[in-house]
Protein backbone atom coordinates (compact mmCIF):
# COMPACT_ATOMS: atom_id res chain seq x y z
CA MET A 1 0.00 0.00 0.00
CA TYR A 2 1.21 3.49 -0.89
CA LEU A 3 0.15 7.05 -0.23
CA GLY A 4 -0.24 9.57 -3.06
CA LEU A 5 -0.09 13.20 -1.92
CA THR A 6 -0.49 16.36 -3.99
CA TYR A 7 0.28 19.91 -2.89
CA ILE A 8 0.89 23.33 -4.36
CA SER A 9 3.14 26.03 -2.97
CA HIS A 10 4.80 29.29 -3.85
CA SER A 11 8.48 30.07 -3.79
CA LYS A 12 9.36 32.88 -1.39
CA LYS A 13 11.72 34.30 -4.00
CA MET A 14 12.08 33.82 -7.71
CA LEU A 15 14.46 30.96 -8.43
CA THR A 16 16.99 31.10 -11.21
CA GLU A 17 17.15 28.21 -13.65
CA ASP A 18 20.31 26.98 -11.90
CA MET A 19 18.55 27.10 -8.53
CA ARG A 20 15.59 25.14 -9.93
CA MET A 21 17.90 22.49 -11.38
CA GLN A 22 19.73 22.20 -8.05
CA LEU A 23 16.37 21.76 -6.27
CA MET A 24 15.38 19.05 -8.74
CA ARG A 25 18.65 17.16 -8.18
CA GLU A 26 18.18 17.39 -4.39
CA CYS A 27 14.64 16.00 -4.74
CA GLN A 28 15.76 13.11 -6.92
CA VAL A 29 18.56 12.06 -4.55
CA ARG A 30 16.46 12.44 -1.39
CA ASN A 31 13.46 10.68 -2.92
CA ALA A 32 15.53 7.75 -4.15
CA HIS A 33 16.90 7.38 -0.62
CA ASN A 34 13.38 7.55 0.89
CA ASN A 35 11.65 5.30 -1.70
CA ILE A 36 9.53 8.21 -2.97
CA THR A 37 8.45 8.69 -6.59
CA GLY A 38 6.36 11.35 -8.29
CA LEU A 39 6.51 14.57 -10.22
CA LEU A 40 7.34 18.22 -9.59
CA LEU A 41 6.14 21.00 -11.86
CA TYR A 42 7.39 24.58 -11.62
CA GLN A 43 6.01 27.68 -13.27
CA GLN A 44 6.72 31.32 -12.45
CA GLY A 45 7.32 30.79 -8.75
CA PHE A 46 4.65 28.14 -8.21
CA PHE A 47 5.18 24.44 -7.51
CA LEU A 48 2.80 21.56 -8.01
CA GLN A 49 4.12 18.31 -6.61
CA TYR A 50 2.76 14.80 -6.48
CA LEU A 51 4.54 12.39 -4.11
CA GLU A 52 3.93 8.67 -3.75
CA GLY A 53 5.47 6.01 -1.59
CA PRO A 54 5.20 4.44 1.86
CA PRO A 55 2.72 6.56 3.87
CA ASP A 56 5.14 7.43 6.70
CA GLN A 57 7.85 8.46 4.25
CA VAL A 58 5.49 10.61 2.16
CA ARG A 59 4.14 12.38 5.25
CA THR A 60 7.70 12.97 6.52
CA VAL A 61 8.72 14.51 3.20
CA PHE A 62 5.60 16.69 3.12
CA ALA A 63 6.22 17.88 6.70
CA ARG A 64 9.79 18.80 5.73
CA ILE A 65 8.48 20.73 2.71
CA GLY A 66 6.08 22.62 4.98
CA GLN A 67 9.06 23.73 7.10
CA ASP A 68 11.32 24.55 4.14
CA HIS A 69 12.23 28.25 4.15
CA ARG A 70 12.06 28.35 0.33
CA HIS A 71 8.28 27.70 0.27
CA GLU A 72 5.24 29.62 1.42
CA ASP A 73 1.51 29.01 1.07
CA VAL A 74 1.98 25.23 1.08
CA GLU A 75 -1.49 23.82 0.44
CA LEU A 76 -2.35 20.14 0.63
CA ILE A 77 -4.61 19.33 -2.31
CA SER A 78 -5.20 15.62 -1.89
CA GLU A 79 -4.11 12.39 -0.25
CA GLU A 80 -5.10 8.97 -1.53
CA VAL A 81 -4.32 5.35 -0.79
CA LEU A 82 -2.76 3.56 -3.76
CA MET A 83 -2.33 -0.14 -4.35
CA GLU A 84 0.48 0.58 -6.81
CA ARG A 85 2.55 3.59 -7.79
CA ARG A 86 1.56 5.75 -10.73
CA PHE A 87 5.17 6.75 -11.44
CA PRO A 88 7.29 3.79 -10.29
CA HIS A 89 10.32 4.77 -12.38
CA TRP A 90 10.47 8.50 -11.65
CA THR A 91 12.28 9.41 -8.42
CA MET A 92 11.15 12.90 -9.36
CA PHE A 93 9.90 13.78 -12.81
CA PHE A 94 10.65 17.50 -13.00
CA ARG A 95 9.42 20.01 -15.50
CA ASP A 96 10.26 23.68 -15.47
CA TYR A 97 7.50 25.24 -17.54
CA ASP A 98 9.12 28.68 -17.49
CA PHE A 99 11.67 27.08 -19.77
CA ILE A 100 9.78 24.32 -21.62
CA TYR A 101 6.22 25.56 -22.20
CA PRO A 102 6.88 27.59 -25.38
CA HIS A 103 8.56 24.56 -26.99
CA ILE A 104 6.13 21.77 -26.08
CA ARG A 105 4.51 21.58 -29.51
CA GLN A 106 7.90 21.09 -31.18
CA ASP A 107 9.37 18.67 -28.64
CA TYR A 108 8.35 15.05 -29.23
CA ALA A 109 10.11 13.82 -26.06
CA GLU A 110 8.21 16.35 -23.95
CA LEU A 111 4.90 15.36 -25.54
CA THR A 112 5.71 11.71 -24.85
CA SER A 113 6.51 12.50 -21.20
CA LEU A 114 3.29 14.45 -20.80
CA ALA A 115 1.37 11.57 -22.37
CA LYS A 116 2.85 9.23 -19.73
CA VAL A 117 1.70 11.61 -16.98
CA VAL A 118 -1.80 11.84 -18.46
CA GLU A 119 -2.00 8.05 -18.75
CA ALA A 120 -0.79 7.55 -15.17
CA LEU A 121 -3.45 9.96 -13.91
CA GLU A 122 -6.29 8.43 -15.95
CA ASP A 123 -8.00 7.04 -12.87
CA ASP A 124 -7.91 10.41 -11.09
CA PRO A 125 -9.57 13.04 -13.32
CA ASP A 126 -9.45 15.68 -10.56
CA LEU A 127 -5.69 15.39 -10.24
CA GLN A 128 -5.31 15.34 -14.01
CA LYS A 129 -7.38 18.54 -14.29
CA LEU A 130 -5.40 20.19 -11.49
CA MET A 131 -2.17 19.49 -13.37
CA PHE A 132 -3.49 20.90 -16.65
CA ASP A 133 -4.96 23.94 -14.92
CA PHE A 134 -1.57 24.55 -13.30
CA LEU A 135 0.21 24.28 -16.65
CA LYS A 136 -1.99 26.77 -18.43
CA LEU A 137 -2.69 29.23 -15.60
CA THR A 138 0.03 31.83 -15.99
CA HIS A 139 0.46 31.36 -19.72
CA ASP A 140 -3.24 31.98 -20.34
CA GLN A 141 -2.97 35.18 -18.29
CA GLN A 142 -0.16 36.39 -20.57
CA SER A 143 -2.16 35.95 -23.81
């Protein structure tokens, strides 16, 4: 049995691309050590993260995130019991949509990755919608 947990948060300060890549590497190493998988999306100072793994480990990671000085407005969106992981091979799938979003239509690998996310979230339409709403939020405001 696993726990799937989704939250959104805001970065207290704007992170450079190097800072975001460093954060992603930290997440991947820590999550591999703690048997956590999932995805982390970033866009213009906002994070959407989905964590899955042993319930105690997921809750410990989320508590640490809540205390992290780099985040504010950490909001738990959902928790669910899972019989199997949605993203068993991704210690932390990371996408920085400040950098990638304009190129999605031209990037087959990115479209393939997004298709894997959509397929993994098929049984949870609310979480799927939350992810898509997150991806288009700031870019729709710019149009």
